[in-house]
């Protein structure tokens, strides 16, 4: 190549563009002295500079290398007609290409919407929405037939995305400039890309499934390890035969955190009437309970019920009772008989003293709803088994009617949601309960403390929360790792295809169009790998709703992000250098 001719051509082309040497140098990122040397024939630009230099001067690469412009030769009529025909044909091809690209954008838009939809489902799941749903996002998913089935959800969703993607690729494939890049010519590299996507989806699905399993275990922990609580004296030495104020009883009844509440109140009673001074007639122990379970070992099936009766009456205030079989036989009663019970209540003259006294409460006529053999079946907390069992709230109602301060004898329950432990304890504290202080003896029988057996639950819950938080902390780094994997894999697998990129660039495609060609090629492989990996993961590990959707969507997005970075870097290679190496 003649350096003088080459330099003169650069100077003439630069002057024709109205540029100074400094302006040209800034455009191609060299010094103005270098441009001066080229124009004077004292130097020659690096091979990597030729392509951008030709673009800045507005000449073709071939014209720059020859150092002269290529003039059009004269043509005859037949050649002119052929040029016109070619021009018309080219115009029709351009119109067809525009219509085809509109269809491609529509199909790719459907693919993107499907991926974004799955990502939203997964993000909603991680954000705490039930089953990974946003309101209105998954209509009908509550029934769960299609959403719970991995086959219906992933196979059909995958088929839809693949069909849209395949349609877009087919339309692009009909374009002449894209036919140079064919997946079939690189079967091994394409297969490796698909397998890598499947592996990454499987690993991410395993990661998210681990989070889902731990969250499920945490949600089911209150059922697996129920937290029991009971009211005791201040030192925790007694939980039965104590005095629990009505305010605390009502607070437990109203609390949303209290479940399976069992309460009782112990009274003395006599049949028909009790004559003062003849205390032998006050010879029955009467127990007011709100459920059969409050009696300890007695079950509803142990009771011989009157026709149409069951244990539900214990939750109300009806004047009915259950009597011991011993009393039932001794008195010769029959089911459905009505007996008059003289109820006497226990009280203390001094609340700091355990000494008990008794006063009459009311005489109530109760219908016998059933009888039970209590021999050896009562709870060990009852020193003497009750002779008569009546509804707890009926006794409480009698106290209110006589304007006598009510006290329950015991109260125990299970936390409805042990995961809200702190809120529950704060509510109990505001209600008036205190913590148990075993170091300070208390003989007052005042039920003022709450003993919560939560040690095992708290230990297990803290362990699960620590595992979930630790695993979640690595989530952003995992996404960056997927981007890095997509970048490195694409960079390594496409190194040998630089000549194809250079070929496309040399026939007139700029970097943006060339990037789109290779990106569509990789997009087809990534979608295939993601869908196949998602289906495989669900069939092997099970469907985790939003997590399963999120795994595939995130792998596709992050892998394509790394893929795009690698493609853009590969496309920065000089066309002349790539062709020279090839």
Protein backbone atom coordinates (compact mmCIF):
# COMPACT_ATOMS: atom_id res chain seq x y z
CA UNK A 1 0.00 0.00 0.00
CA UNK A 2 1.32 3.45 -0.98
CA UNK A 3 1.55 5.55 2.20
CA UNK A 4 1.63 8.82 0.23
CA UNK A 5 -1.52 7.91 -1.72
CA UNK A 6 -3.14 6.66 1.47
CA UNK A 7 -2.29 9.88 3.37
CA UNK A 8 -3.51 12.12 0.53
CA UNK A 9 -6.83 10.19 0.46
CA UNK A 10 -7.29 10.66 4.22
CA UNK A 11 -6.60 14.42 3.95
CA UNK A 12 -9.00 14.88 1.02
CA UNK A 13 -11.74 12.87 2.71
CA UNK A 14 -11.26 14.76 5.97
CA UNK A 15 -11.41 18.13 4.25
CA UNK A 16 -14.50 17.02 2.36
CA UNK A 17 -16.13 16.34 5.72
CA UNK A 18 -15.05 19.78 7.00
CA UNK A 19 -13.06 18.33 9.89
CA UNK A 20 -9.72 19.38 11.34
CA UNK A 21 -6.99 16.92 12.21
CA UNK A 22 -7.78 17.39 15.90
CA UNK A 23 -11.50 16.68 15.42
CA UNK A 24 -10.75 13.49 13.46
CA UNK A 25 -8.25 12.40 16.09
CA UNK A 26 -10.81 12.85 18.86
CA UNK A 27 -13.37 10.73 17.01
CA UNK A 28 -11.02 7.74 16.63
CA UNK A 29 -9.30 8.32 20.01
CA UNK A 30 -5.76 9.07 18.75
CA UNK A 31 -3.57 12.18 18.86
CA UNK A 32 -3.64 14.87 16.14
CA UNK A 33 0.10 14.26 15.58
CA UNK A 34 -0.71 10.67 14.54
CA UNK A 35 -3.25 11.95 11.98
CA UNK A 36 -0.62 14.43 10.68
CA UNK A 37 1.92 11.62 10.19
CA UNK A 38 -0.62 9.54 8.27
CA UNK A 39 -1.51 12.41 5.93
CA UNK A 40 2.18 13.18 5.31
CA UNK A 41 2.89 9.51 4.51
CA UNK A 42 5.25 9.23 7.51
CA UNK A 43 3.20 6.60 9.26
CA UNK A 44 0.39 4.09 8.92
CA UNK A 45 -2.49 3.51 11.38
CA UNK A 46 -2.87 0.30 13.36
CA UNK A 47 -5.10 -2.30 11.74
CA UNK A 48 -7.68 -1.85 14.54
CA UNK A 49 -8.04 1.83 13.59
CA UNK A 50 -8.97 1.27 9.95
CA UNK A 51 -12.66 0.45 10.50
CA UNK A 52 -13.55 3.43 12.74
CA UNK A 53 -11.40 5.69 10.52
CA UNK A 54 -13.42 4.65 7.45
CA UNK A 55 -16.67 5.32 9.31
CA UNK A 56 -15.56 8.81 10.35
CA UNK A 57 -14.43 9.73 6.83
CA UNK A 58 -17.62 8.39 5.28
CA UNK A 59 -15.90 5.94 2.95
CA UNK A 60 -15.97 2.16 2.69
CA UNK A 61 -13.23 0.05 4.16
CA UNK A 62 -12.21 -1.09 0.68
CA UNK A 63 -11.96 2.51 -0.58
CA UNK A 64 -9.81 3.48 2.42
CA UNK A 65 -7.43 0.58 1.86
CA UNK A 66 -7.14 1.34 -1.89
CA UNK A 67 -6.69 5.06 -1.22
CA UNK A 68 -9.23 6.13 -3.82
CA UNK A 69 -12.95 6.30 -4.35
CA UNK A 70 -14.60 3.68 -6.51
CA UNK A 71 -16.47 5.32 -9.40
CA UNK A 72 -19.56 3.73 -10.92
CA UNK A 73 -19.01 2.57 -14.52
CA UNK A 74 -21.43 3.47 -17.29
CA UNK A 75 -24.20 0.91 -17.85
CA UNK A 76 -26.40 0.12 -20.82
CA UNK A 77 -30.21 -0.01 -20.93
CA UNK A 78 -30.49 -3.68 -20.07
CA UNK A 79 -28.25 -3.24 -17.05
CA UNK A 80 -30.28 -0.19 -16.00
CA UNK A 81 -33.50 -2.20 -16.23
CA UNK A 82 -31.88 -4.88 -14.09
CA UNK A 83 -30.84 -2.26 -11.51
CA UNK A 84 -34.40 -0.92 -11.43
CA UNK A 85 -35.78 -4.44 -11.02
CA UNK A 86 -33.29 -5.15 -8.25
CA UNK A 87 -34.25 -1.89 -6.56
CA UNK A 88 -37.95 -2.74 -6.71
CA UNK A 89 -37.25 -6.24 -5.41
CA UNK A 90 -35.12 -4.82 -2.64
CA UNK A 91 -37.91 -2.38 -1.73
CA UNK A 92 -40.42 -5.23 -1.53
CA UNK A 93 -38.01 -7.21 0.62
CA UNK A 94 -37.67 -4.23 2.98
CA UNK A 95 -41.48 -3.95 3.29
CA UNK A 96 -41.74 -7.68 3.97
CA UNK A 97 -38.95 -7.40 6.53
CA UNK A 98 -40.78 -4.59 8.34
CA UNK A 99 -43.98 -6.64 8.55
CA UNK A 100 -41.99 -9.65 9.70
CA UNK A 101 -40.23 -7.63 12.41
CA UNK A 102 -43.61 -6.41 13.69
CA UNK A 103 -44.67 -10.04 14.17
CA UNK A 104 -41.33 -10.85 15.79
CA UNK A 105 -41.73 -8.01 18.29
CA UNK A 106 -45.24 -9.23 19.09
CA UNK A 107 -44.06 -12.80 19.74
CA UNK A 108 -41.04 -11.70 21.76
CA UNK A 109 -43.30 -9.37 23.72
CA UNK A 110 -45.50 -12.35 24.62
CA UNK A 111 -42.39 -14.24 25.80
CA UNK A 112 -41.26 -11.29 27.93
CA UNK A 113 -44.73 -10.89 29.46
CA UNK A 114 -44.77 -14.59 30.35
CA UNK A 115 -41.36 -14.38 32.02
CA UNK A 116 -42.29 -11.21 33.92
CA UNK A 117 -45.53 -12.86 35.01
CA UNK A 118 -43.65 -15.82 36.51
CA UNK A 119 -41.16 -13.49 38.19
CA UNK A 120 -43.99 -11.46 39.75
CA UNK A 121 -45.55 -14.67 41.08
CA UNK A 122 -42.25 -15.70 42.66
CA UNK A 123 -41.50 -12.25 44.08
CA UNK A 124 -45.01 -12.15 45.53
CA UNK A 125 -44.40 -15.49 47.22
CA UNK A 126 -41.15 -14.29 48.78
CA UNK A 127 -42.85 -11.08 49.86
CA UNK A 128 -45.29 -13.08 51.95
CA UNK A 129 -48.33 -13.41 49.73
CA UNK A 130 -50.06 -16.74 50.05
CA UNK A 131 -49.07 -19.24 47.34
CA UNK A 132 -47.05 -16.54 45.63
CA UNK A 133 -50.13 -14.66 44.42
CA UNK A 134 -50.86 -10.99 43.99
CA UNK A 135 -54.53 -10.05 44.17
CA UNK A 136 -56.03 -10.71 40.77
CA UNK A 137 -52.75 -12.03 39.40
CA UNK A 138 -53.70 -15.69 39.59
CA UNK A 139 -57.49 -15.84 39.28
CA UNK A 140 -58.81 -19.24 40.23
CA UNK A 141 -55.50 -20.31 41.76
CA UNK A 142 -57.05 -20.64 45.19
CA UNK A 143 -58.66 -23.86 44.05
CA UNK A 144 -55.21 -24.71 42.85
CA UNK A 145 -56.00 -27.37 40.23
CA UNK A 146 -53.85 -25.94 37.43
CA UNK A 147 -51.40 -24.03 39.61
CA UNK A 148 -50.58 -26.91 41.96
CA UNK A 149 -49.89 -29.32 39.10
CA UNK A 150 -46.27 -29.02 37.89
CA UNK A 151 -47.17 -30.69 34.61
CA UNK A 152 -50.00 -28.31 33.74
CA UNK A 153 -48.22 -25.23 35.02
CA UNK A 154 -44.74 -25.71 33.60
CA UNK A 155 -45.38 -27.86 30.56
CA UNK A 156 -48.13 -25.63 29.17
CA UNK A 157 -46.35 -22.42 30.16
CA UNK A 158 -43.14 -23.78 28.62
CA UNK A 159 -44.89 -24.80 25.41
CA UNK A 160 -46.41 -21.33 25.08
CA UNK A 161 -43.07 -19.56 25.59
CA UNK A 162 -41.23 -21.96 23.26
CA UNK A 163 -43.85 -21.57 20.51
CA UNK A 164 -43.66 -17.78 20.70
CA UNK A 165 -39.87 -17.86 20.75
CA UNK A 166 -39.69 -20.42 17.94
CA UNK A 167 -42.06 -18.34 15.82
CA UNK A 168 -39.89 -15.27 16.33
CA UNK A 169 -36.71 -17.18 15.44
CA UNK A 170 -38.35 -18.65 12.33
CA UNK A 171 -39.37 -15.22 11.08
CA UNK A 172 -35.88 -13.87 11.70
CA UNK A 173 -34.35 -16.95 10.08
CA UNK A 174 -35.95 -16.01 6.76
CA UNK A 175 -33.80 -12.90 6.67
CA UNK A 176 -30.68 -13.33 4.53
CA UNK A 177 -28.31 -11.66 7.01
CA UNK A 178 -29.21 -14.06 9.79
CA UNK A 179 -28.77 -17.27 7.87
CA UNK A 180 -25.02 -17.07 8.43
CA UNK A 181 -25.56 -17.80 12.14
CA UNK A 182 -27.05 -21.25 12.61
CA UNK A 183 -27.43 -23.20 15.81
CA UNK A 184 -27.22 -26.45 13.88
CA UNK A 185 -23.64 -25.65 12.87
CA UNK A 186 -22.63 -25.49 16.54
CA UNK A 187 -24.44 -28.43 18.06
CA UNK A 188 -21.94 -29.10 20.83
CA UNK A 189 -21.83 -25.47 21.98
CA UNK A 190 -25.61 -25.20 21.81
CA UNK A 191 -26.05 -28.38 23.82
CA UNK A 192 -23.56 -27.17 26.45
CA UNK A 193 -25.46 -23.88 26.76
CA UNK A 194 -28.77 -25.71 27.28
CA UNK A 195 -27.25 -28.11 29.83
CA UNK A 196 -25.64 -25.23 31.72
CA UNK A 197 -28.99 -23.42 31.91
CA UNK A 198 -30.69 -26.59 33.15
CA UNK A 199 -28.03 -27.07 35.84
CA UNK A 200 -28.28 -23.46 37.05
CA UNK A 201 -32.11 -23.65 37.17
CA UNK A 202 -31.92 -26.90 39.13
CA UNK A 203 -29.46 -25.42 41.64
CA UNK A 204 -31.48 -22.22 42.08
CA UNK A 205 -34.67 -24.26 42.43
CA UNK A 206 -32.96 -26.31 45.15
CA UNK A 207 -31.87 -23.11 46.88
CA UNK A 208 -35.36 -21.57 46.80
CA UNK A 209 -36.97 -24.90 47.72
CA UNK A 210 -34.77 -24.97 50.82
CA UNK A 211 -36.08 -21.54 51.83
CA UNK A 212 -39.66 -22.65 51.13
CA UNK A 213 -39.26 -25.82 53.18
CA UNK A 214 -37.84 -23.94 56.15
CA UNK A 215 -40.61 -21.34 55.95
CA UNK A 216 -43.18 -24.14 55.79
CA UNK A 217 -41.62 -25.81 58.84
CA UNK A 218 -41.68 -22.48 60.66
CA UNK A 219 -45.34 -21.94 59.77
CA UNK A 220 -46.23 -25.46 60.96
CA UNK A 221 -44.11 -25.19 64.12
CA UNK A 222 -46.99 -24.03 66.38
CA UNK A 223 -48.84 -27.21 65.47
CA UNK A 224 -45.77 -29.45 65.79
CA UNK A 225 -44.63 -27.92 69.08
CA UNK A 226 -47.72 -26.45 70.78
CA UNK A 227 -47.01 -23.84 73.43
CA UNK A 228 -49.04 -24.47 76.57
CA UNK A 229 -49.64 -21.85 79.23
CA UNK A 230 -51.40 -21.88 82.57
CA UNK A 231 -52.15 -19.44 85.36
CA UNK A 232 -50.27 -20.01 88.61
CA UNK A 233 -49.48 -18.32 91.88
CA UNK A 234 -46.66 -15.79 91.88
CA UNK A 235 -44.04 -18.41 92.71
CA UNK A 236 -45.45 -20.98 90.28
CA UNK A 237 -46.05 -23.56 93.01
CA UNK A 238 -49.78 -24.02 92.34
CA UNK A 239 -51.96 -23.93 89.26
CA UNK A 240 -55.21 -25.38 90.66
CA UNK A 241 -57.32 -24.40 93.63
CA UNK A 242 -56.22 -20.80 93.21
CA UNK A 243 -58.12 -17.53 92.90
CA UNK A 244 -58.05 -15.91 89.44
CA UNK A 245 -59.81 -12.57 89.22
CA UNK A 246 -62.72 -12.14 86.81
CA UNK A 247 -60.84 -9.39 84.95
CA UNK A 248 -58.08 -11.85 84.06
CA UNK A 249 -60.64 -14.51 83.11
CA UNK A 250 -62.39 -12.11 80.74
CA UNK A 251 -59.06 -11.04 79.26
CA UNK A 252 -58.24 -14.66 78.42
CA UNK A 253 -61.68 -15.13 76.88
CA UNK A 254 -61.25 -12.04 74.68
CA UNK A 255 -57.64 -12.66 73.60
CA UNK A 256 -57.08 -13.70 69.99
CA UNK A 257 -53.89 -15.50 71.03
CA UNK A 258 -55.67 -17.91 73.40
CA UNK A 259 -56.90 -21.22 72.02
CA UNK A 260 -58.42 -24.30 73.67
CA UNK A 261 -58.98 -22.41 76.90
CA UNK A 262 -59.83 -24.71 79.83
CA UNK A 263 -61.21 -23.18 83.05
CA UNK A 264 -62.90 -24.47 86.17
CA UNK A 265 -64.29 -23.18 89.44
CA UNK A 266 -64.70 -25.40 92.56
CA UNK A 267 -67.80 -25.04 94.80
CA UNK A 268 -69.45 -26.92 97.65
CA UNK A 269 -73.06 -28.07 97.23
CA UNK A 270 -75.90 -29.92 98.82
CA UNK A 271 -79.05 -31.48 97.39
CA UNK A 272 -82.38 -29.66 97.93
CA UNK A 273 -81.26 -27.48 100.85
CA UNK A 274 -78.47 -26.95 103.33
CA UNK A 275 -79.44 -26.29 106.94
CA UNK A 276 -76.98 -23.94 108.70
CA UNK A 277 -75.25 -25.84 111.48
CA UNK A 278 -75.91 -29.22 109.83
CA UNK A 279 -72.87 -29.10 107.57
CA UNK A 280 -73.07 -32.80 106.77
CA UNK A 281 -75.78 -31.87 104.25
CA UNK A 282 -73.17 -29.78 102.37
CA UNK A 283 -71.45 -32.96 101.23
CA UNK A 284 -71.05 -32.56 97.45
CA UNK A 285 -68.19 -31.11 95.44
CA UNK A 286 -69.45 -29.12 92.46
CA UNK A 287 -67.18 -28.28 89.54
CA UNK A 288 -67.92 -25.60 86.96
CA UNK A 289 -66.03 -26.25 83.71
CA UNK A 290 -66.21 -24.81 80.19
CA UNK A 291 -65.30 -28.11 78.46
CA UNK A 292 -64.92 -31.79 79.27
CA UNK A 293 -61.13 -31.54 78.76
CA UNK A 294 -60.91 -29.28 81.83
CA UNK A 295 -61.73 -32.35 83.96
CA UNK A 296 -58.47 -34.01 82.97
CA UNK A 297 -58.85 -37.71 82.12
CA UNK A 298 -62.60 -37.64 81.49
CA UNK A 299 -63.59 -37.87 77.82
CA UNK A 300 -66.92 -37.08 76.24
CA UNK A 301 -67.28 -40.73 75.26
CA UNK A 302 -67.02 -41.74 78.95
CA UNK A 303 -70.28 -39.95 79.74
CA UNK A 304 -73.62 -41.72 79.42
CA UNK A 305 -75.73 -38.99 77.84
CA UNK A 306 -79.42 -38.35 77.89
CA UNK A 307 -81.03 -38.46 74.45
CA UNK A 308 -80.01 -35.44 72.38
CA UNK A 309 -77.40 -34.24 74.87
CA UNK A 310 -73.65 -33.76 74.46
CA UNK A 311 -70.79 -31.79 76.03
CA UNK A 312 -71.59 -28.59 74.14
CA UNK A 313 -73.90 -27.39 76.97
CA UNK A 314 -70.80 -26.86 79.15
CA UNK A 315 -69.88 -23.86 76.98
CA UNK A 316 -73.15 -22.08 77.75
CA UNK A 317 -75.19 -21.11 80.82
CA UNK A 318 -77.98 -23.70 80.73
CA UNK A 319 -79.11 -25.22 84.03
CA UNK A 320 -77.87 -28.72 83.25
CA UNK A 321 -75.35 -30.98 84.92
CA UNK A 322 -73.37 -34.21 84.77
CA UNK A 323 -73.29 -36.26 87.96
CA UNK A 324 -71.00 -39.03 89.14
CA UNK A 325 -72.31 -42.58 88.66
CA UNK A 326 -71.90 -43.21 92.38
CA UNK A 327 -74.19 -40.30 93.27
CA UNK A 328 -76.53 -41.14 90.39
CA UNK A 329 -77.02 -44.71 91.67
CA UNK A 330 -77.20 -43.76 95.34
CA UNK A 331 -79.91 -41.20 94.75
CA UNK A 332 -81.79 -43.33 92.25
CA UNK A 333 -81.93 -40.54 89.70
CA UNK A 334 -82.75 -40.95 86.05
CA UNK A 335 -81.44 -39.08 83.01
CA UNK A 336 -83.50 -35.98 82.46
CA UNK A 337 -84.46 -35.61 86.13
CA UNK A 338 -84.22 -32.17 87.69
CA UNK A 339 -82.45 -31.75 91.01
CA UNK A 340 -82.12 -28.71 93.24
CA UNK A 341 -78.50 -27.92 94.07
CA UNK A 342 -77.61 -25.53 96.89
CA UNK A 343 -74.36 -23.93 95.70
CA UNK A 344 -71.84 -22.50 98.19
CA UNK A 345 -68.74 -20.61 97.12
CA UNK A 346 -65.28 -20.40 98.68
CA UNK A 347 -63.83 -17.09 99.74
CA UNK A 348 -61.01 -15.61 101.81
CA UNK A 349 -61.35 -12.89 104.38
CA UNK A 350 -57.78 -11.85 103.67
CA UNK A 351 -56.40 -12.23 100.14
CA UNK A 352 -52.89 -12.71 101.50
CA UNK A 353 -54.03 -15.73 103.57
CA UNK A 354 -54.79 -19.25 102.21
CA UNK A 355 -57.52 -19.86 104.83
CA UNK A 356 -60.87 -20.60 103.12
CA UNK A 357 -64.47 -19.99 104.15
CA UNK A 358 -67.80 -20.84 102.47
CA UNK A 359 -70.98 -18.85 101.91
CA UNK A 360 -74.21 -19.70 100.06
CA UNK A 361 -74.36 -18.64 96.42
CA UNK A 362 -77.63 -19.79 94.83
CA UNK A 363 -80.00 -22.73 94.74
CA UNK A 364 -80.29 -23.87 91.14
CA UNK A 365 -82.55 -26.52 89.65
CA UNK A 366 -80.47 -28.48 87.16
CA UNK A 367 -81.48 -31.11 84.63
CA UNK A 368 -79.31 -34.25 84.60
CA UNK A 369 -77.81 -34.38 81.10
CA UNK A 370 -75.65 -37.43 81.81
CA UNK A 371 -73.61 -39.38 84.33
CA UNK A 372 -70.03 -40.67 84.36
CA UNK A 373 -68.05 -43.19 86.36
CA UNK A 374 -65.23 -41.06 87.75
CA UNK A 375 -63.50 -43.80 89.73
CA UNK A 376 -59.79 -43.45 89.00
CA UNK A 377 -60.39 -41.14 86.02
CA UNK A 378 -60.17 -37.69 87.51
CA UNK A 379 -57.11 -35.55 87.11
CA UNK A 380 -54.49 -35.75 89.83
CA UNK A 381 -54.97 -32.06 90.53
CA UNK A 382 -58.37 -32.88 92.04
CA UNK A 383 -57.73 -34.29 95.54
CA UNK A 384 -61.40 -35.20 95.68
CA UNK A 385 -63.27 -35.89 92.43
CA UNK A 386 -66.31 -33.70 91.74
CA UNK A 387 -69.77 -35.12 92.34
CA UNK A 388 -71.57 -32.69 90.05
CA UNK A 389 -70.32 -30.93 86.92
CA UNK A 390 -72.06 -27.76 85.69
CA UNK A 391 -71.27 -25.12 83.01
CA UNK A 392 -68.50 -22.70 84.05
CA UNK A 393 -70.34 -19.66 82.70
CA UNK A 394 -73.51 -20.64 84.54
CA UNK A 395 -71.61 -20.42 87.84
CA UNK A 396 -70.03 -17.14 86.73
CA UNK A 397 -73.50 -15.81 85.93
CA UNK A 398 -74.69 -16.73 89.43
CA UNK A 399 -71.80 -14.74 90.95
CA UNK A 400 -72.77 -11.72 88.83
CA UNK A 401 -76.45 -11.99 89.81
CA UNK A 402 -75.55 -12.07 93.50
CA UNK A 403 -72.98 -9.28 92.99
CA UNK A 404 -70.22 -11.43 94.40
CA UNK A 405 -66.65 -11.07 93.06
CA UNK A 406 -65.93 -14.05 90.84
CA UNK A 407 -62.73 -16.09 90.96
CA UNK A 408 -61.81 -19.04 88.72
CA UNK A 409 -59.95 -21.95 90.28
CA UNK A 410 -57.66 -22.73 87.29
CA UNK A 411 -57.05 -21.71 83.69
CA UNK A 412 -54.86 -23.23 81.01
CA UNK A 413 -54.71 -22.84 77.24
CA UNK A 414 -52.66 -23.24 74.06
CA UNK A 415 -51.31 -20.30 72.05
CA UNK A 416 -53.24 -19.96 68.80
CA UNK A 417 -50.18 -18.63 66.97
CA UNK A 418 -46.92 -19.15 68.81
CA UNK A 419 -45.07 -17.16 66.11
CA UNK A 420 -46.69 -14.04 67.64
CA UNK A 421 -45.13 -14.82 71.02
CA UNK A 422 -43.92 -11.27 71.72
CA UNK A 423 -47.30 -9.70 70.94
CA UNK A 424 -49.03 -12.30 73.14
CA UNK A 425 -46.74 -11.65 76.11
CA UNK A 426 -47.18 -7.92 75.76
CA UNK A 427 -50.96 -8.32 75.78
CA UNK A 428 -50.84 -10.55 78.86
CA UNK A 429 -48.59 -8.03 80.61
CA UNK A 430 -51.02 -5.21 79.87
CA UNK A 431 -53.84 -7.42 81.12
CA UNK A 432 -52.16 -7.77 84.52
CA UNK A 433 -50.34 -11.09 84.46
CA UNK A 434 -46.79 -11.20 85.76
CA UNK A 435 -43.87 -13.56 85.22
CA UNK A 436 -43.30 -16.47 87.58
CA UNK A 437 -40.78 -15.73 90.38
CA UNK A 438 -39.90 -19.11 91.95
CA UNK A 439 -37.39 -17.55 94.35
CA UNK A 440 -40.12 -15.65 96.24
CA UNK A 441 -42.49 -18.06 98.11
CA UNK A 442 -46.19 -17.21 97.84
CA UNK A 443 -48.94 -18.88 99.89
CA UNK A 444 -51.73 -16.43 99.09
CA UNK A 445 -53.37 -18.63 96.39
CA UNK A 446 -53.69 -15.58 94.13
CA UNK A 447 -53.56 -16.58 90.46
CA UNK A 448 -51.55 -13.66 89.15
CA UNK A 449 -48.67 -15.24 87.18
CA UNK A 450 -48.58 -16.86 83.76
CA UNK A 451 -46.31 -19.83 83.10
CA UNK A 452 -45.63 -20.28 79.39
CA UNK A 453 -43.84 -23.47 78.28
CA UNK A 454 -42.16 -21.92 75.26
CA UNK A 455 -38.50 -22.93 75.67
CA UNK A 456 -38.55 -25.76 73.08
CA UNK A 457 -40.59 -23.72 70.63
CA UNK A 458 -38.37 -20.63 70.88
CA UNK A 459 -35.21 -22.69 70.48
CA UNK A 460 -36.51 -24.42 67.35
CA UNK A 461 -38.04 -21.23 65.87
CA UNK A 462 -34.82 -19.26 66.36
CA UNK A 463 -32.86 -22.01 64.64
CA UNK A 464 -35.23 -22.03 61.64
CA UNK A 465 -35.24 -18.22 61.40
CA UNK A 466 -31.44 -18.18 61.53
CA UNK A 467 -31.26 -20.73 58.72
CA UNK A 468 -33.78 -18.76 56.60
CA UNK A 469 -32.02 -15.42 57.18
CA UNK A 470 -28.61 -16.92 56.43
CA UNK A 471 -29.78 -18.52 53.19
CA UNK A 472 -31.64 -15.38 52.11
CA UNK A 473 -28.53 -13.27 52.70
CA UNK A 474 -26.77 -15.11 49.86
CA UNK A 475 -29.59 -14.50 47.39
CA UNK A 476 -28.17 -11.30 45.78
CA UNK A 477 -24.73 -12.91 45.50
CA UNK A 478 -26.31 -15.96 43.89
CA UNK A 479 -27.94 -13.78 41.25
CA UNK A 480 -24.60 -12.07 40.55
CA UNK A 481 -23.03 -15.51 40.30
CA UNK A 482 -25.59 -16.52 37.66
CA UNK A 483 -24.79 -13.33 35.71
CA UNK A 484 -21.10 -14.23 35.95
CA UNK A 485 -21.75 -17.79 34.79
CA UNK A 486 -23.70 -16.52 31.78
CA UNK A 487 -20.89 -14.09 30.98
CA UNK A 488 -18.04 -16.62 31.24
CA UNK A 489 -19.84 -19.49 29.50
CA UNK A 490 -20.87 -17.28 26.59
CA UNK A 491 -17.41 -15.73 26.36
CA UNK A 492 -15.74 -19.15 26.22
CA UNK A 493 -18.21 -20.85 23.88
CA UNK A 494 -18.35 -17.99 21.36
CA UNK A 495 -14.62 -17.30 21.08
CA UNK A 496 -14.44 -19.50 18.00
CA UNK A 497 -17.28 -17.62 16.31
CA UNK A 498 -15.51 -14.28 16.03
CA UNK A 499 -15.07 -14.86 12.31
CA UNK A 500 -18.86 -15.14 11.93
CA UNK A 501 -19.25 -11.84 13.74
CA UNK A 502 -16.62 -10.27 11.51
CA UNK A 503 -18.36 -11.68 8.44
CA UNK A 504 -21.69 -10.15 9.43
CA UNK A 505 -19.97 -6.84 10.18
CA UNK A 506 -18.21 -6.88 6.82
CA UNK A 507 -21.49 -7.29 4.87
CA UNK A 508 -22.88 -4.11 6.38
CA UNK A 509 -24.41 -5.00 9.79
CA UNK A 510 -23.50 -2.58 12.55
CA UNK A 511 -22.77 -3.71 16.12
CA UNK A 512 -26.38 -3.29 17.26
CA UNK A 513 -27.85 -5.45 14.49
CA UNK A 514 -25.09 -8.02 14.80
CA UNK A 515 -25.71 -8.16 18.56
CA UNK A 516 -29.41 -8.79 17.91
CA UNK A 517 -28.59 -11.68 15.58
CA UNK A 518 -26.44 -13.50 18.12
CA UNK A 519 -28.73 -12.56 21.02
CA UNK A 520 -31.73 -14.22 19.33
CA UNK A 521 -29.55 -17.27 18.78
CA UNK A 522 -28.65 -17.41 22.50
CA UNK A 523 -32.17 -16.49 23.61
CA UNK A 524 -33.56 -19.61 21.94
CA UNK A 525 -31.00 -21.80 23.73
CA UNK A 526 -31.55 -20.11 27.11
CA UNK A 527 -35.36 -20.41 26.93
CA UNK A 528 -35.04 -24.08 26.00
CA UNK A 529 -32.64 -24.75 28.88
CA UNK A 530 -34.70 -22.78 31.41
CA UNK A 531 -37.98 -24.48 30.53
CA UNK A 532 -36.38 -27.95 30.48
CA UNK A 533 -34.58 -27.26 33.77
CA UNK A 534 -37.77 -25.96 35.41
CA UNK A 535 -39.79 -29.00 34.38
CA UNK A 536 -37.02 -31.34 35.52
CA UNK A 537 -36.66 -29.54 38.87
CA UNK A 538 -40.39 -29.62 39.57
CA UNK A 539 -40.73 -33.29 38.65
CA UNK A 540 -37.74 -34.26 40.84
CA UNK A 541 -38.09 -31.88 43.78
CA UNK A 542 -41.80 -31.02 43.67
CA UNK A 543 -43.71 -27.85 42.94
CA UNK A 544 -43.07 -24.93 45.29
CA UNK A 545 -45.49 -22.48 43.70
CA UNK A 546 -43.93 -19.05 43.45
CA UNK A 547 -40.44 -20.39 44.15
CA UNK A 548 -40.61 -22.76 41.21
CA UNK A 549 -41.72 -19.93 38.91
CA UNK A 550 -39.10 -17.58 40.32
CA UNK A 551 -36.24 -20.03 39.77
CA UNK A 552 -36.80 -20.29 36.03
CA UNK A 553 -37.52 -16.61 35.53
CA UNK A 554 -34.48 -15.38 37.47
CA UNK A 555 -32.09 -17.80 35.78
CA UNK A 556 -33.35 -16.69 32.36
CA UNK A 557 -33.03 -12.97 33.14
CA UNK A 558 -29.67 -13.15 34.96
CA UNK A 559 -28.11 -15.58 32.48
CA UNK A 560 -29.17 -13.41 29.55
CA UNK A 561 -27.74 -10.35 31.32
CA UNK A 562 -24.33 -12.04 31.55
CA UNK A 563 -24.79 -13.37 28.02
CA UNK A 564 -25.44 -9.87 26.69
CA UNK A 565 -22.33 -8.48 28.38
CA UNK A 566 -20.21 -11.21 26.82
CA UNK A 567 -21.74 -10.70 23.37
CA UNK A 568 -21.15 -6.97 23.49
CA UNK A 569 -17.53 -7.51 24.49
CA UNK A 570 -16.99 -10.00 21.67
CA UNK A 571 -18.53 -7.60 19.16
CA UNK A 572 -16.00 -4.91 20.09
CA UNK A 573 -13.28 -6.86 18.30
CA UNK A 574 -11.92 -5.19 15.20
CA UNK A 575 -13.32 -6.60 11.96
CA UNK A 576 -9.94 -6.37 10.25
CA UNK A 577 -8.19 -8.11 13.13
CA UNK A 578 -10.75 -10.93 13.26
CA UNK A 579 -10.60 -11.49 9.51
CA UNK A 580 -6.80 -11.34 9.57
CA UNK A 581 -6.63 -13.98 12.34
CA UNK A 582 -9.18 -16.16 10.52
